[in-house]
Amino acid sequence: MPNLKEFVAALQAGWFPAFVALVGCTLIIGGDYLEIPYLDNTPEFLITVSVVIGVFSFSIIIANIVYIPVIIWGKYQRHKTKKALKAKIADEINTAPQPEIIILAYLATSGRKAFAAEFNDRRLAPLVSKGLIVKMGGTNSILEWPYMVRDEVWDYLMENKDAFRIELPEDGRDPFNWRSGW
């Protein structure tokens, strides 16, 4: 007989193998009960094993059916959370002071989702503290630390490209380069 650990491991199986096992066990048990040729002389241990496997298979199918609403609820909650996060990001960007909007507009116009700047660049500090720009980890030069615009922020900037378009300087200087003042 299987123990509880094996039963819990079996519940993690997919519904299709469980369905196939349930059909097979039902055929063996039903064939013995209805005295179908070749199945009417089934050994007793095979009937017992078929019953046990059938019960486990049925349990797996029921567990998967009961789990469907949990999956749907989880997807609904993730969608709701994502929508709320999108609204919060839009609000943060729309209420940001002009210097922060200029930085985001420069990044959106130049198409730079990832860029390098000083480790503690004071212009980026408010955007990093709000979570709009992420300071990457690792071992890097303190003068050229990697930053990245958060995915949700980048998506919002790309959706509203016209509102965040600025004229780029013609000299092509990088405003985040520590050697050039901005």
C-alpha atoms as a PDB file:
ATOM      1  CA  MET A   1       0.000   0.000   0.000  1.00  0.00           C
ATOM      2  CA  PRO A   2       1.277   3.492  -0.789  1.00  0.00           C
ATOM      3  CA  ASN A   3       2.082   5.787   2.109  1.00  0.00           C
ATOM      4  CA  LEU A   4       1.010   9.415   2.581  1.00  0.00           C
ATOM      5  CA  LYS A   5       4.185  10.804   0.982  1.00  0.00           C
ATOM      6  CA  GLU A   6       3.603   8.791  -2.181  1.00  0.00           C
ATOM      7  CA  PHE A   7      -0.038   9.897  -2.245  1.00  0.00           C
ATOM      8  CA  VAL A   8       0.923  13.588  -1.999  1.00  0.00           C
ATOM      9  CA  ALA A   9       3.514  13.084  -4.750  1.00  0.00           C
ATOM     10  CA  ALA A  10       0.836  11.405  -6.884  1.00  0.00           C
ATOM     11  CA  LEU A  11      -1.476  14.412  -6.430  1.00  0.00           C
ATOM     12  CA  GLN A  12       1.121  16.509  -8.222  1.00  0.00           C
ATOM     13  CA  ALA A  13       0.675  14.410 -11.335  1.00  0.00           C
ATOM     14  CA  GLY A  14      -1.270  15.756 -14.261  1.00  0.00           C
ATOM     15  CA  TRP A  15      -4.915  14.997 -14.829  1.00  0.00           C
ATOM     16  CA  PHE A  16      -4.371  13.137 -18.118  1.00  0.00           C
ATOM     17  CA  PRO A  17      -2.193  10.285 -16.738  1.00  0.00           C
ATOM     18  CA  ALA A  18      -4.616  10.029 -13.807  1.00  0.00           C
ATOM     19  CA  PHE A  19      -7.559   9.824 -16.208  1.00  0.00           C
ATOM     20  CA  VAL A  20      -5.851   7.089 -18.237  1.00  0.00           C
ATOM     21  CA  ALA A  21      -5.077   5.126 -15.057  1.00  0.00           C
ATOM     22  CA  LEU A  22      -8.673   5.539 -13.855  1.00  0.00           C
ATOM     23  CA  VAL A  23     -10.071   4.266 -17.178  1.00  0.00           C
ATOM     24  CA  GLY A  24      -7.706   1.284 -17.147  1.00  0.00           C
ATOM     25  CA  CYS A  25      -8.539   0.372 -13.556  1.00  0.00           C
ATOM     26  CA  THR A  26     -12.264   0.784 -14.235  1.00  0.00           C
ATOM     27  CA  LEU A  27     -11.999  -1.574 -17.215  1.00  0.00           C
ATOM     28  CA  ILE A  28     -10.199  -4.204 -15.148  1.00  0.00           C
ATOM     29  CA  ILE A  29     -12.625  -3.980 -12.224  1.00  0.00           C
ATOM     30  CA  GLY A  30     -15.697  -3.709 -14.486  1.00  0.00           C
ATOM     31  CA  GLY A  31     -14.499  -6.602 -16.668  1.00  0.00           C
ATOM     32  CA  ASP A  32     -14.109  -8.823 -13.613  1.00  0.00           C
ATOM     33  CA  TYR A  33     -17.524  -7.795 -12.256  1.00  0.00           C
ATOM     34  CA  LEU A  34     -19.288  -8.315 -15.597  1.00  0.00           C
ATOM     35  CA  GLU A  35     -17.347 -11.553 -16.199  1.00  0.00           C
ATOM     36  CA  ILE A  36     -15.989 -10.447 -19.571  1.00  0.00           C
ATOM     37  CA  PRO A  37     -13.787 -13.151 -21.149  1.00  0.00           C
ATOM     38  CA  TYR A  38     -10.120 -12.913 -20.162  1.00  0.00           C
ATOM     39  CA  LEU A  39     -11.050 -10.621 -17.270  1.00  0.00           C
ATOM     40  CA  ASP A  40     -13.377 -12.930 -15.348  1.00  0.00           C
ATOM     41  CA  ASN A  41     -10.459 -14.842 -13.808  1.00  0.00           C
ATOM     42  CA  THR A  42      -8.488 -11.801 -12.683  1.00  0.00           C
ATOM     43  CA  PRO A  43      -6.329 -12.526  -9.611  1.00  0.00           C
ATOM     44  CA  GLU A  44      -7.544 -10.941  -6.388  1.00  0.00           C
ATOM     45  CA  PHE A  45      -4.352  -8.882  -5.863  1.00  0.00           C
ATOM     46  CA  LEU A  46      -4.797  -7.290  -9.318  1.00  0.00           C
ATOM     47  CA  ILE A  47      -8.340  -6.225  -8.407  1.00  0.00           C
ATOM     48  CA  THR A  48      -7.041  -4.774  -5.113  1.00  0.00           C
ATOM     49  CA  VAL A  49      -4.233  -2.910  -6.878  1.00  0.00           C
ATOM     50  CA  SER A  50      -6.705  -1.629  -9.488  1.00  0.00           C
ATOM     51  CA  VAL A  51      -9.011  -0.327  -6.758  1.00  0.00           C
ATOM     52  CA  VAL A  52      -6.156   1.464  -4.988  1.00  0.00           C
ATOM     53  CA  ILE A  53      -4.805   2.974  -8.212  1.00  0.00           C
ATOM     54  CA  GLY A  54      -8.347   3.905  -9.268  1.00  0.00           C
ATOM     55  CA  VAL A  55      -8.982   5.703  -5.974  1.00  0.00           C
ATOM     56  CA  PHE A  56      -5.680   7.585  -6.272  1.00  0.00           C
ATOM     57  CA  SER A  57      -6.384   8.474  -9.895  1.00  0.00           C
ATOM     58  CA  PHE A  58      -9.863   9.680  -9.018  1.00  0.00           C
ATOM     59  CA  SER A  59      -8.391  11.766  -6.172  1.00  0.00           C
ATOM     60  CA  ILE A  60      -5.883  13.348  -8.559  1.00  0.00           C
ATOM     61  CA  ILE A  61      -8.632  14.235 -11.031  1.00  0.00           C
ATOM     62  CA  ILE A  62     -10.822  15.726  -8.278  1.00  0.00           C
ATOM     63  CA  ALA A  63      -7.848  17.687  -6.871  1.00  0.00           C
ATOM     64  CA  ASN A  64      -7.129  19.129 -10.323  1.00  0.00           C
ATOM     65  CA  ILE A  65     -10.779  20.043 -10.841  1.00  0.00           C
ATOM     66  CA  VAL A  66     -10.984  21.725  -7.418  1.00  0.00           C
ATOM     67  CA  TYR A  67      -7.706  23.573  -8.126  1.00  0.00           C
ATOM     68  CA  ILE A  68      -9.099  25.236 -11.300  1.00  0.00           C
ATOM     69  CA  PRO A  69     -10.935  28.015  -9.379  1.00  0.00           C
ATOM     70  CA  VAL A  70      -7.756  28.652  -7.376  1.00  0.00           C
ATOM     71  CA  ILE A  71      -5.805  29.138 -10.618  1.00  0.00           C
ATOM     72  CA  ILE A  72      -8.484  31.440 -12.030  1.00  0.00           C
ATOM     73  CA  TRP A  73      -8.605  33.468  -8.807  1.00  0.00           C
ATOM     74  CA  GLY A  74      -4.806  33.767  -8.789  1.00  0.00           C
ATOM     75  CA  LYS A  75      -4.779  35.018 -12.385  1.00  0.00           C
ATOM     76  CA  TYR A  76      -7.519  37.518 -11.548  1.00  0.00           C
ATOM     77  CA  GLN A  77      -5.578  38.794  -8.533  1.00  0.00           C
ATOM     78  CA  ARG A  78      -2.345  39.121 -10.552  1.00  0.00           C
ATOM     79  CA  HIS A  79      -4.221  41.034 -13.259  1.00  0.00           C
ATOM     80  CA  LYS A  80      -5.810  43.308 -10.662  1.00  0.00           C
ATOM     81  CA  THR A  81      -2.459  43.933  -8.947  1.00  0.00           C
ATOM     82  CA  LYS A  82      -0.756  44.613 -12.275  1.00  0.00           C
ATOM     83  CA  LYS A  83      -3.492  47.077 -13.223  1.00  0.00           C
ATOM     84  CA  ALA A  84      -3.170  48.866  -9.860  1.00  0.00           C
ATOM     85  CA  LEU A  85       0.620  49.017 -10.234  1.00  0.00           C
ATOM     86  CA  LYS A  86       0.229  50.454 -13.734  1.00  0.00           C
ATOM     87  CA  ALA A  87      -2.124  53.145 -12.412  1.00  0.00           C
ATOM     88  CA  LYS A  88       0.254  53.954  -9.546  1.00  0.00           C
ATOM     89  CA  ILE A  89       3.206  54.251 -11.917  1.00  0.00           C
ATOM     90  CA  ALA A  90       1.216  56.484 -14.261  1.00  0.00           C
ATOM     91  CA  ASP A  91       0.270  58.682 -11.292  1.00  0.00           C
ATOM     92  CA  GLU A  92       3.894  58.821 -10.061  1.00  0.00           C
ATOM     93  CA  ILE A  93       5.152  59.848 -13.496  1.00  0.00           C
ATOM     94  CA  ASN A  94       2.393  62.380 -14.132  1.00  0.00           C
ATOM     95  CA  THR A  95       2.902  64.074 -10.752  1.00  0.00           C
ATOM     96  CA  ALA A  96       6.710  64.019 -10.903  1.00  0.00           C
ATOM     97  CA  PRO A  97       8.594  67.320 -10.830  1.00  0.00           C
ATOM     98  CA  GLN A  98       9.879  68.721 -14.112  1.00  0.00           C
ATOM     99  CA  PRO A  99      13.566  67.622 -13.685  1.00  0.00           C
ATOM    100  CA  GLU A 100      12.467  63.984 -13.207  1.00  0.00           C
ATOM    101  CA  ILE A 101      10.158  64.139 -16.224  1.00  0.00           C
ATOM    102  CA  ILE A 102      13.006  65.563 -18.313  1.00  0.00           C
ATOM    103  CA  ILE A 103      15.222  62.611 -17.368  1.00  0.00           C
ATOM    104  CA  LEU A 104      12.482  60.096 -18.204  1.00  0.00           C
ATOM    105  CA  ALA A 105      11.701  61.950 -21.439  1.00  0.00           C
ATOM    106  CA  TYR A 106      15.384  61.917 -22.422  1.00  0.00           C
ATOM    107  CA  LEU A 107      15.602  58.169 -21.811  1.00  0.00           C
ATOM    108  CA  ALA A 108      12.383  57.497 -23.740  1.00  0.00           C
ATOM    109  CA  THR A 109      13.368  59.722 -26.671  1.00  0.00           C
ATOM    110  CA  SER A 110      16.857  58.266 -26.934  1.00  0.00           C
ATOM    111  CA  GLY A 111      15.518  54.712 -26.512  1.00  0.00           C
ATOM    112  CA  ARG A 112      17.814  53.978 -23.583  1.00  0.00           C
ATOM    113  CA  LYS A 113      16.175  51.615 -21.152  1.00  0.00           C
ATOM    114  CA  ALA A 114      19.540  50.823 -19.588  1.00  0.00           C
ATOM    115  CA  PHE A 115      22.279  53.387 -19.048  1.00  0.00           C
ATOM    116  CA  ALA A 116      25.312  54.147 -16.907  1.00  0.00           C
ATOM    117  CA  ALA A 117      25.661  57.038 -14.475  1.00  0.00           C
ATOM    118  CA  GLU A 118      27.475  57.866 -11.254  1.00  0.00           C
ATOM    119  CA  PHE A 119      26.662  55.557  -8.362  1.00  0.00           C
ATOM    120  CA  ASN A 120      24.937  58.268  -6.320  1.00  0.00           C
ATOM    121  CA  ASP A 121      23.819  60.607  -9.075  1.00  0.00           C
ATOM    122  CA  ARG A 122      21.677  63.188  -7.275  1.00  0.00           C
ATOM    123  CA  ARG A 123      19.461  63.678 -10.336  1.00  0.00           C
ATOM    124  CA  LEU A 124      18.529  59.979 -10.373  1.00  0.00           C
ATOM    125  CA  ALA A 125      18.103  59.569  -6.603  1.00  0.00           C
ATOM    126  CA  PRO A 126      14.394  60.587  -6.527  1.00  0.00           C
ATOM    127  CA  LEU A 127      13.577  58.278  -9.447  1.00  0.00           C
ATOM    128  CA  VAL A 128      15.437  55.400  -7.786  1.00  0.00           C
ATOM    129  CA  SER A 129      13.732  56.004  -4.434  1.00  0.00           C
ATOM    130  CA  LYS A 130      10.311  55.996  -6.157  1.00  0.00           C
ATOM    131  CA  GLY A 131      11.200  52.731  -7.889  1.00  0.00           C
ATOM    132  CA  LEU A 132      10.884  54.139 -11.393  1.00  0.00           C
ATOM    133  CA  ILE A 133      14.558  53.518 -12.144  1.00  0.00           C
ATOM    134  CA  VAL A 134      16.432  50.526 -10.734  1.00  0.00           C
ATOM    135  CA  LYS A 135      20.053  50.726  -9.642  1.00  0.00           C
ATOM    136  CA  MET A 136      21.580  47.438 -10.751  1.00  0.00           C
ATOM    137  CA  GLY A 137      23.745  45.345  -8.474  1.00  0.00           C
ATOM    138  CA  GLY A 138      27.149  43.857  -8.993  1.00  0.00           C
ATOM    139  CA  THR A 139      30.702  45.092  -9.062  1.00  0.00           C
ATOM    140  CA  ASN A 140      31.019  48.117 -11.307  1.00  0.00           C
ATOM    141  CA  SER A 141      32.856  51.403 -11.536  1.00  0.00           C
ATOM    142  CA  ILE A 142      31.389  53.969  -9.172  1.00  0.00           C
ATOM    143  CA  LEU A 143      31.555  56.502 -12.024  1.00  0.00           C
ATOM    144  CA  GLU A 144      29.681  54.278 -14.486  1.00  0.00           C
ATOM    145  CA  TRP A 145      27.103  52.363 -12.477  1.00  0.00           C
ATOM    146  CA  PRO A 146      24.398  50.553 -14.477  1.00  0.00           C
ATOM    147  CA  TYR A 147      20.825  51.746 -14.101  1.00  0.00           C
ATOM    148  CA  MET A 148      17.702  50.464 -15.777  1.00  0.00           C
ATOM    149  CA  VAL A 149      14.229  51.869 -16.271  1.00  0.00           C
ATOM    150  CA  ARG A 150      11.720  49.541 -14.665  1.00  0.00           C
ATOM    151  CA  ASP A 151       9.755  47.455 -17.199  1.00  0.00           C
ATOM    152  CA  GLU A 152       6.357  48.843 -16.231  1.00  0.00           C
ATOM    153  CA  VAL A 153       7.679  52.427 -16.388  1.00  0.00           C
ATOM    154  CA  TRP A 154       9.281  51.783 -19.771  1.00  0.00           C
ATOM    155  CA  ASP A 155       6.019  50.368 -21.105  1.00  0.00           C
ATOM    156  CA  TYR A 156       4.158  53.478 -19.908  1.00  0.00           C
ATOM    157  CA  LEU A 157       6.758  55.760 -21.495  1.00  0.00           C
ATOM    158  CA  MET A 158       6.548  53.885 -24.800  1.00  0.00           C
ATOM    159  CA  GLU A 159       2.728  53.978 -24.771  1.00  0.00           C
ATOM    160  CA  ASN A 160       2.851  57.754 -24.249  1.00  0.00           C
ATOM    161  CA  LYS A 161       5.864  58.462 -26.449  1.00  0.00           C
ATOM    162  CA  ASP A 162       4.452  61.719 -27.810  1.00  0.00           C
ATOM    163  CA  ALA A 163       4.042  63.202 -24.329  1.00  0.00           C
ATOM    164  CA  PHE A 164       7.629  62.312 -23.415  1.00  0.00           C
ATOM    165  CA  ARG A 165       9.421  63.493 -26.557  1.00  0.00           C
ATOM    166  CA  ILE A 166      12.153  66.102 -26.211  1.00  0.00           C
ATOM    167  CA  GLU A 167      14.790  67.482 -28.556  1.00  0.00           C
ATOM    168  CA  LEU A 168      18.069  65.662 -28.127  1.00  0.00           C
ATOM    169  CA  PRO A 169      21.245  67.754 -28.158  1.00  0.00           C
ATOM    170  CA  GLU A 170      22.918  67.684 -31.558  1.00  0.00           C
ATOM    171  CA  ASP A 171      26.411  67.281 -30.123  1.00  0.00           C
ATOM    172  CA  GLY A 172      25.392  63.798 -28.962  1.00  0.00           C
ATOM    173  CA  ARG A 173      26.782  64.271 -25.453  1.00  0.00           C
ATOM    174  CA  ASP A 174      25.602  61.845 -22.825  1.00  0.00           C
ATOM    175  CA  PRO A 175      24.036  63.774 -19.931  1.00  0.00           C
ATOM    176  CA  PHE A 176      24.782  60.873 -17.586  1.00  0.00           C
ATOM    177  CA  ASN A 177      28.502  60.878 -18.317  1.00  0.00           C
ATOM    178  CA  TRP A 178      30.278  62.189 -15.235  1.00  0.00           C
ATOM    179  CA  ARG A 179      32.749  64.168 -17.358  1.00  0.00           C
ATOM    180  CA  SER A 180      30.063  66.297 -18.973  1.00  0.00           C
ATOM    181  CA  GLY A 181      27.910  68.647 -16.953  1.00  0.00           C
ATOM    182  CA  TRP A 182      24.218  68.694 -17.574  1.00  0.00           C
END
